Amino acid sequence: MGVYLDKSTNILKGKSEWPMVTCHMIADSVEELFHMADLIGLRPEWFQPWSHPHFDVSKTRQTRALAHGAKRLERAEFVGKIRSYRKKILDDRVERERLWEMTRRYGGERKGV
Protein backbone atom coordinates (compact mmCIF):
# COMPACT_ATOMS: atom_id res chain seq x y z
CA MET A 1 0.00 0.00 0.00
CA GLY A 2 1.19 3.52 -0.66
CA VAL A 3 0.82 7.09 -1.77
CA TYR A 4 2.56 8.34 -4.89
CA LEU A 5 3.55 11.64 -6.52
CA ASP A 6 4.31 11.96 -10.20
CA LYS A 7 7.16 14.05 -11.54
CA SER A 8 4.95 16.37 -13.57
CA THR A 9 5.15 20.14 -13.13
CA ASN A 10 1.73 21.54 -13.87
CA ILE A 11 1.22 25.29 -13.65
CA LEU A 12 -2.10 26.34 -12.10
CA LYS A 13 -3.13 29.95 -12.55
CA GLY A 14 -5.54 31.71 -10.26
CA LYS A 15 -5.53 33.64 -6.99
CA SER A 16 -3.03 35.12 -4.52
CA GLU A 17 -0.14 32.60 -4.33
CA TRP A 18 -0.55 31.79 -7.98
CA PRO A 19 0.68 30.64 -10.39
CA MET A 20 1.39 27.46 -8.47
CA VAL A 21 3.53 24.53 -9.60
CA THR A 22 1.87 21.22 -8.77
CA CYS A 23 2.09 17.50 -9.36
CA HIS A 24 -0.49 14.71 -8.95
CA MET A 25 -0.90 12.59 -5.82
CA ILE A 26 -2.57 9.18 -6.05
CA ALA A 27 -2.72 6.17 -3.72
CA ASP A 28 -3.42 2.46 -3.62
CA SER A 29 -6.73 3.21 -1.91
CA VAL A 30 -9.02 6.20 -1.55
CA GLU A 31 -8.65 5.91 2.23
CA GLU A 32 -4.87 6.26 1.99
CA LEU A 33 -5.26 9.17 -0.42
CA PHE A 34 -7.52 11.09 1.96
CA HIS A 35 -5.37 10.21 4.98
CA MET A 36 -2.28 11.67 3.30
CA ALA A 37 -4.26 14.69 2.11
CA ASP A 38 -5.26 15.35 5.72
CA LEU A 39 -1.67 14.91 6.97
CA ILE A 40 -0.29 17.46 4.51
CA GLY A 41 -3.09 20.00 4.82
CA LEU A 42 -5.15 19.47 1.67
CA ARG A 43 -8.84 20.25 1.90
CA PRO A 44 -11.15 17.33 0.95
CA GLU A 45 -13.03 19.49 -1.54
CA TRP A 46 -9.82 19.70 -3.61
CA PHE A 47 -10.29 15.98 -4.41
CA GLN A 48 -10.41 15.32 -8.16
CA PRO A 49 -12.05 11.97 -8.90
CA TRP A 50 -12.98 12.23 -12.55
CA SER A 51 -9.97 11.26 -14.64
CA HIS A 52 -8.43 9.26 -11.80
CA PRO A 53 -8.84 9.85 -8.05
CA HIS A 54 -6.12 12.35 -7.15
CA PHE A 55 -5.15 15.65 -5.60
CA ASP A 56 -3.01 18.35 -7.19
CA VAL A 57 -0.18 19.00 -4.75
CA SER A 58 1.93 22.18 -4.46
CA LYS A 59 5.71 21.97 -4.01
CA THR A 60 5.46 22.72 -0.27
CA ARG A 61 2.93 19.94 0.24
CA GLN A 62 4.95 17.58 -1.94
CA THR A 63 7.78 17.96 0.57
CA ARG A 64 5.37 17.18 3.41
CA ALA A 65 3.97 14.14 1.59
CA LEU A 66 7.46 12.76 0.97
CA ALA A 67 8.29 13.29 4.67
CA HIS A 68 5.17 11.23 5.53
CA GLY A 69 6.23 8.35 3.29
CA ALA A 70 4.86 9.15 -0.17
CA LYS A 71 7.02 8.00 -3.06
CA ARG A 72 7.86 9.98 -6.19
CA LEU A 73 7.52 7.82 -9.30
CA GLU A 74 8.66 8.03 -12.89
CA ARG A 75 5.87 8.33 -15.44
CA ALA A 76 5.73 4.64 -16.41
CA GLU A 77 5.55 3.51 -12.78
CA PHE A 78 2.94 6.16 -11.98
CA VAL A 79 0.76 5.06 -14.90
CA GLY A 80 1.17 1.45 -13.73
CA LYS A 81 -0.21 2.45 -10.30
CA ILE A 82 -3.19 4.15 -11.99
CA ARG A 83 -3.91 0.99 -14.00
CA SER A 84 -3.57 -1.16 -10.89
CA TYR A 85 -6.04 1.03 -8.98
CA ARG A 86 -8.55 0.97 -11.85
CA LYS A 87 -8.43 -2.82 -11.77
CA LYS A 88 -8.86 -2.74 -8.00
CA ILE A 89 -12.07 -0.69 -8.17
CA LEU A 90 -13.47 -3.15 -10.71
CA ASP A 91 -12.62 -6.13 -8.50
CA ASP A 92 -13.12 -4.73 -4.98
CA ARG A 93 -16.71 -3.72 -4.15
CA VAL A 94 -15.75 -2.08 -0.83
CA GLU A 95 -13.10 0.14 -2.46
CA ARG A 96 -15.48 0.99 -5.30
CA GLU A 97 -18.21 2.03 -2.85
CA ARG A 98 -15.74 4.09 -0.78
CA LEU A 99 -14.53 5.88 -3.91
CA TRP A 100 -18.08 6.70 -4.99
CA GLU A 101 -18.91 7.91 -1.48
CA MET A 102 -15.94 10.31 -1.54
CA THR A 103 -16.76 11.37 -5.09
CA ARG A 104 -20.35 12.22 -4.15
CA ARG A 105 -19.20 14.04 -1.01
CA TYR A 106 -16.26 16.02 -2.42
CA GLY A 107 -16.01 15.49 -6.16
CA GLY A 108 -18.48 18.12 -7.28
CA GLU A 109 -20.04 17.78 -10.69
CA ARG A 110 -18.19 16.50 -13.68
CA LYS A 111 -17.80 19.28 -16.20
CA GLY A 112 -17.62 18.94 -19.96
CA VAL A 113 -19.55 15.68 -20.23
C-alpha atoms as a PDB file:
ATOM      1  CA  MET A   1       0.000   0.000   0.000  1.00  0.00           C
ATOM      2  CA  GLY A   2       1.192   3.518  -0.661  1.00  0.00           C
ATOM      3  CA  VAL A   3       0.816   7.085  -1.770  1.00  0.00           C
ATOM      4  CA  TYR A   4       2.555   8.344  -4.894  1.00  0.00           C
ATOM      5  CA  LEU A   5       3.554  11.635  -6.516  1.00  0.00           C
ATOM      6  CA  ASP A   6       4.307  11.957 -10.200  1.00  0.00           C
ATOM      7  CA  LYS A   7       7.164  14.054 -11.540  1.00  0.00           C
ATOM      8  CA  SER A   8       4.954  16.375 -13.565  1.00  0.00           C
ATOM      9  CA  THR A   9       5.149  20.135 -13.134  1.00  0.00           C
ATOM     10  CA  ASN A  10       1.733  21.540 -13.867  1.00  0.00           C
ATOM     11  CA  ILE A  11       1.221  25.290 -13.648  1.00  0.00           C
ATOM     12  CA  LEU A  12      -2.096  26.337 -12.097  1.00  0.00           C
ATOM     13  CA  LYS A  13      -3.128  29.951 -12.552  1.00  0.00           C
ATOM     14  CA  GLY A  14      -5.541  31.709 -10.260  1.00  0.00           C
ATOM     15  CA  LYS A  15      -5.530  33.638  -6.988  1.00  0.00           C
ATOM     16  CA  SER A  16      -3.030  35.117  -4.521  1.00  0.00           C
ATOM     17  CA  GLU A  17      -0.144  32.601  -4.334  1.00  0.00           C
ATOM     18  CA  TRP A  18      -0.550  31.787  -7.976  1.00  0.00           C
ATOM     19  CA  PRO A  19       0.683  30.640 -10.391  1.00  0.00           C
ATOM     20  CA  MET A  20       1.389  27.461  -8.470  1.00  0.00           C
ATOM     21  CA  VAL A  21       3.532  24.526  -9.599  1.00  0.00           C
ATOM     22  CA  THR A  22       1.868  21.216  -8.766  1.00  0.00           C
ATOM     23  CA  CYS A  23       2.087  17.497  -9.357  1.00  0.00           C
ATOM     24  CA  HIS A  24      -0.487  14.712  -8.946  1.00  0.00           C
ATOM     25  CA  MET A  25      -0.899  12.593  -5.824  1.00  0.00           C
ATOM     26  CA  ILE A  26      -2.570   9.175  -6.054  1.00  0.00           C
ATOM     27  CA  ALA A  27      -2.722   6.173  -3.721  1.00  0.00           C
ATOM     28  CA  ASP A  28      -3.423   2.463  -3.617  1.00  0.00           C
ATOM     29  CA  SER A  29      -6.735   3.207  -1.908  1.00  0.00           C
ATOM     30  CA  VAL A  30      -9.021   6.204  -1.554  1.00  0.00           C
ATOM     31  CA  GLU A  31      -8.654   5.910   2.226  1.00  0.00           C
ATOM     32  CA  GLU A  32      -4.865   6.264   1.992  1.00  0.00           C
ATOM     33  CA  LEU A  33      -5.264   9.172  -0.419  1.00  0.00           C
ATOM     34  CA  PHE A  34      -7.519  11.088   1.963  1.00  0.00           C
ATOM     35  CA  HIS A  35      -5.373  10.209   4.976  1.00  0.00           C
ATOM     36  CA  MET A  36      -2.278  11.673   3.298  1.00  0.00           C
ATOM     37  CA  ALA A  37      -4.265  14.691   2.113  1.00  0.00           C
ATOM     38  CA  ASP A  38      -5.258  15.350   5.719  1.00  0.00           C
ATOM     39  CA  LEU A  39      -1.671  14.909   6.968  1.00  0.00           C
ATOM     40  CA  ILE A  40      -0.288  17.462   4.514  1.00  0.00           C
ATOM     41  CA  GLY A  41      -3.089  20.003   4.820  1.00  0.00           C
ATOM     42  CA  LEU A  42      -5.147  19.473   1.671  1.00  0.00           C
ATOM     43  CA  ARG A  43      -8.845  20.246   1.904  1.00  0.00           C
ATOM     44  CA  PRO A  44     -11.146  17.332   0.954  1.00  0.00           C
ATOM     45  CA  GLU A  45     -13.031  19.487  -1.542  1.00  0.00           C
ATOM     46  CA  TRP A  46      -9.825  19.695  -3.606  1.00  0.00           C
ATOM     47  CA  PHE A  47     -10.287  15.978  -4.411  1.00  0.00           C
ATOM     48  CA  GLN A  48     -10.407  15.317  -8.158  1.00  0.00           C
ATOM     49  CA  PRO A  49     -12.050  11.972  -8.900  1.00  0.00           C
ATOM     50  CA  TRP A  50     -12.977  12.235 -12.554  1.00  0.00           C
ATOM     51  CA  SER A  51      -9.966  11.265 -14.641  1.00  0.00           C
ATOM     52  CA  HIS A  52      -8.434   9.264 -11.803  1.00  0.00           C
ATOM     53  CA  PRO A  53      -8.840   9.848  -8.049  1.00  0.00           C
ATOM     54  CA  HIS A  54      -6.119  12.350  -7.154  1.00  0.00           C
ATOM     55  CA  PHE A  55      -5.153  15.650  -5.605  1.00  0.00           C
ATOM     56  CA  ASP A  56      -3.012  18.351  -7.193  1.00  0.00           C
ATOM     57  CA  VAL A  57      -0.177  19.001  -4.752  1.00  0.00           C
ATOM     58  CA  SER A  58       1.927  22.177  -4.455  1.00  0.00           C
ATOM     59  CA  LYS A  59       5.708  21.973  -4.006  1.00  0.00           C
ATOM     60  CA  THR A  60       5.458  22.725  -0.274  1.00  0.00           C
ATOM     61  CA  ARG A  61       2.931  19.943   0.243  1.00  0.00           C
ATOM     62  CA  GLN A  62       4.949  17.584  -1.944  1.00  0.00           C
ATOM     63  CA  THR A  63       7.783  17.960   0.569  1.00  0.00           C
ATOM     64  CA  ARG A  64       5.370  17.183   3.414  1.00  0.00           C
ATOM     65  CA  ALA A  65       3.972  14.138   1.589  1.00  0.00           C
ATOM     66  CA  LEU A  66       7.461  12.764   0.973  1.00  0.00           C
ATOM     67  CA  ALA A  67       8.290  13.285   4.669  1.00  0.00           C
ATOM     68  CA  HIS A  68       5.168  11.228   5.527  1.00  0.00           C
ATOM     69  CA  GLY A  69       6.232   8.346   3.294  1.00  0.00           C
ATOM     70  CA  ALA A  70       4.859   9.151  -0.167  1.00  0.00           C
ATOM     71  CA  LYS A  71       7.018   8.000  -3.062  1.00  0.00           C
ATOM     72  CA  ARG A  72       7.856   9.984  -6.192  1.00  0.00           C
ATOM     73  CA  LEU A  73       7.520   7.817  -9.304  1.00  0.00           C
ATOM     74  CA  GLU A  74       8.665   8.032 -12.890  1.00  0.00           C
ATOM     75  CA  ARG A  75       5.871   8.332 -15.442  1.00  0.00           C
ATOM     76  CA  ALA A  76       5.730   4.638 -16.413  1.00  0.00           C
ATOM     77  CA  GLU A  77       5.552   3.506 -12.778  1.00  0.00           C
ATOM     78  CA  PHE A  78       2.937   6.157 -11.978  1.00  0.00           C
ATOM     79  CA  VAL A  79       0.759   5.057 -14.901  1.00  0.00           C
ATOM     80  CA  GLY A  80       1.168   1.449 -13.728  1.00  0.00           C
ATOM     81  CA  LYS A  81      -0.214   2.453 -10.305  1.00  0.00           C
ATOM     82  CA  ILE A  82      -3.186   4.147 -11.994  1.00  0.00           C
ATOM     83  CA  ARG A  83      -3.908   0.989 -13.996  1.00  0.00           C
ATOM     84  CA  SER A  84      -3.574  -1.158 -10.888  1.00  0.00           C
ATOM     85  CA  TYR A  85      -6.043   1.028  -8.978  1.00  0.00           C
ATOM     86  CA  ARG A  86      -8.546   0.968 -11.846  1.00  0.00           C
ATOM     87  CA  LYS A  87      -8.430  -2.822 -11.774  1.00  0.00           C
ATOM     88  CA  LYS A  88      -8.862  -2.735  -8.002  1.00  0.00           C
ATOM     89  CA  ILE A  89     -12.066  -0.693  -8.170  1.00  0.00           C
ATOM     90  CA  LEU A  90     -13.469  -3.151 -10.715  1.00  0.00           C
ATOM     91  CA  ASP A  91     -12.623  -6.133  -8.496  1.00  0.00           C
ATOM     92  CA  ASP A  92     -13.122  -4.732  -4.978  1.00  0.00           C
ATOM     93  CA  ARG A  93     -16.707  -3.716  -4.151  1.00  0.00           C
ATOM     94  CA  VAL A  94     -15.752  -2.075  -0.827  1.00  0.00           C
ATOM     95  CA  GLU A  95     -13.096   0.140  -2.456  1.00  0.00           C
ATOM     96  CA  ARG A  96     -15.479   0.993  -5.299  1.00  0.00           C
ATOM     97  CA  GLU A  97     -18.206   2.033  -2.851  1.00  0.00           C
ATOM     98  CA  ARG A  98     -15.738   4.085  -0.776  1.00  0.00           C
ATOM     99  CA  LEU A  99     -14.527   5.877  -3.908  1.00  0.00           C
ATOM    100  CA  TRP A 100     -18.077   6.703  -4.986  1.00  0.00           C
ATOM    101  CA  GLU A 101     -18.910   7.909  -1.479  1.00  0.00           C
ATOM    102  CA  MET A 102     -15.944  10.313  -1.535  1.00  0.00           C
ATOM    103  CA  THR A 103     -16.765  11.365  -5.092  1.00  0.00           C
ATOM    104  CA  ARG A 104     -20.345  12.221  -4.147  1.00  0.00           C
ATOM    105  CA  ARG A 105     -19.201  14.037  -1.013  1.00  0.00           C
ATOM    106  CA  TYR A 106     -16.257  16.022  -2.417  1.00  0.00           C
ATOM    107  CA  GLY A 107     -16.012  15.489  -6.164  1.00  0.00           C
ATOM    108  CA  GLY A 108     -18.481  18.120  -7.278  1.00  0.00           C
ATOM    109  CA  GLU A 109     -20.041  17.784 -10.694  1.00  0.00           C
ATOM    110  CA  ARG A 110     -18.187  16.497 -13.678  1.00  0.00           C
ATOM    111  CA  LYS A 111     -17.803  19.276 -16.200  1.00  0.00           C
ATOM    112  CA  GLY A 112     -17.622  18.943 -19.956  1.00  0.00           C
ATOM    113  CA  VAL A 113     -19.547  15.682 -20.227  1.00  0.00           C
END
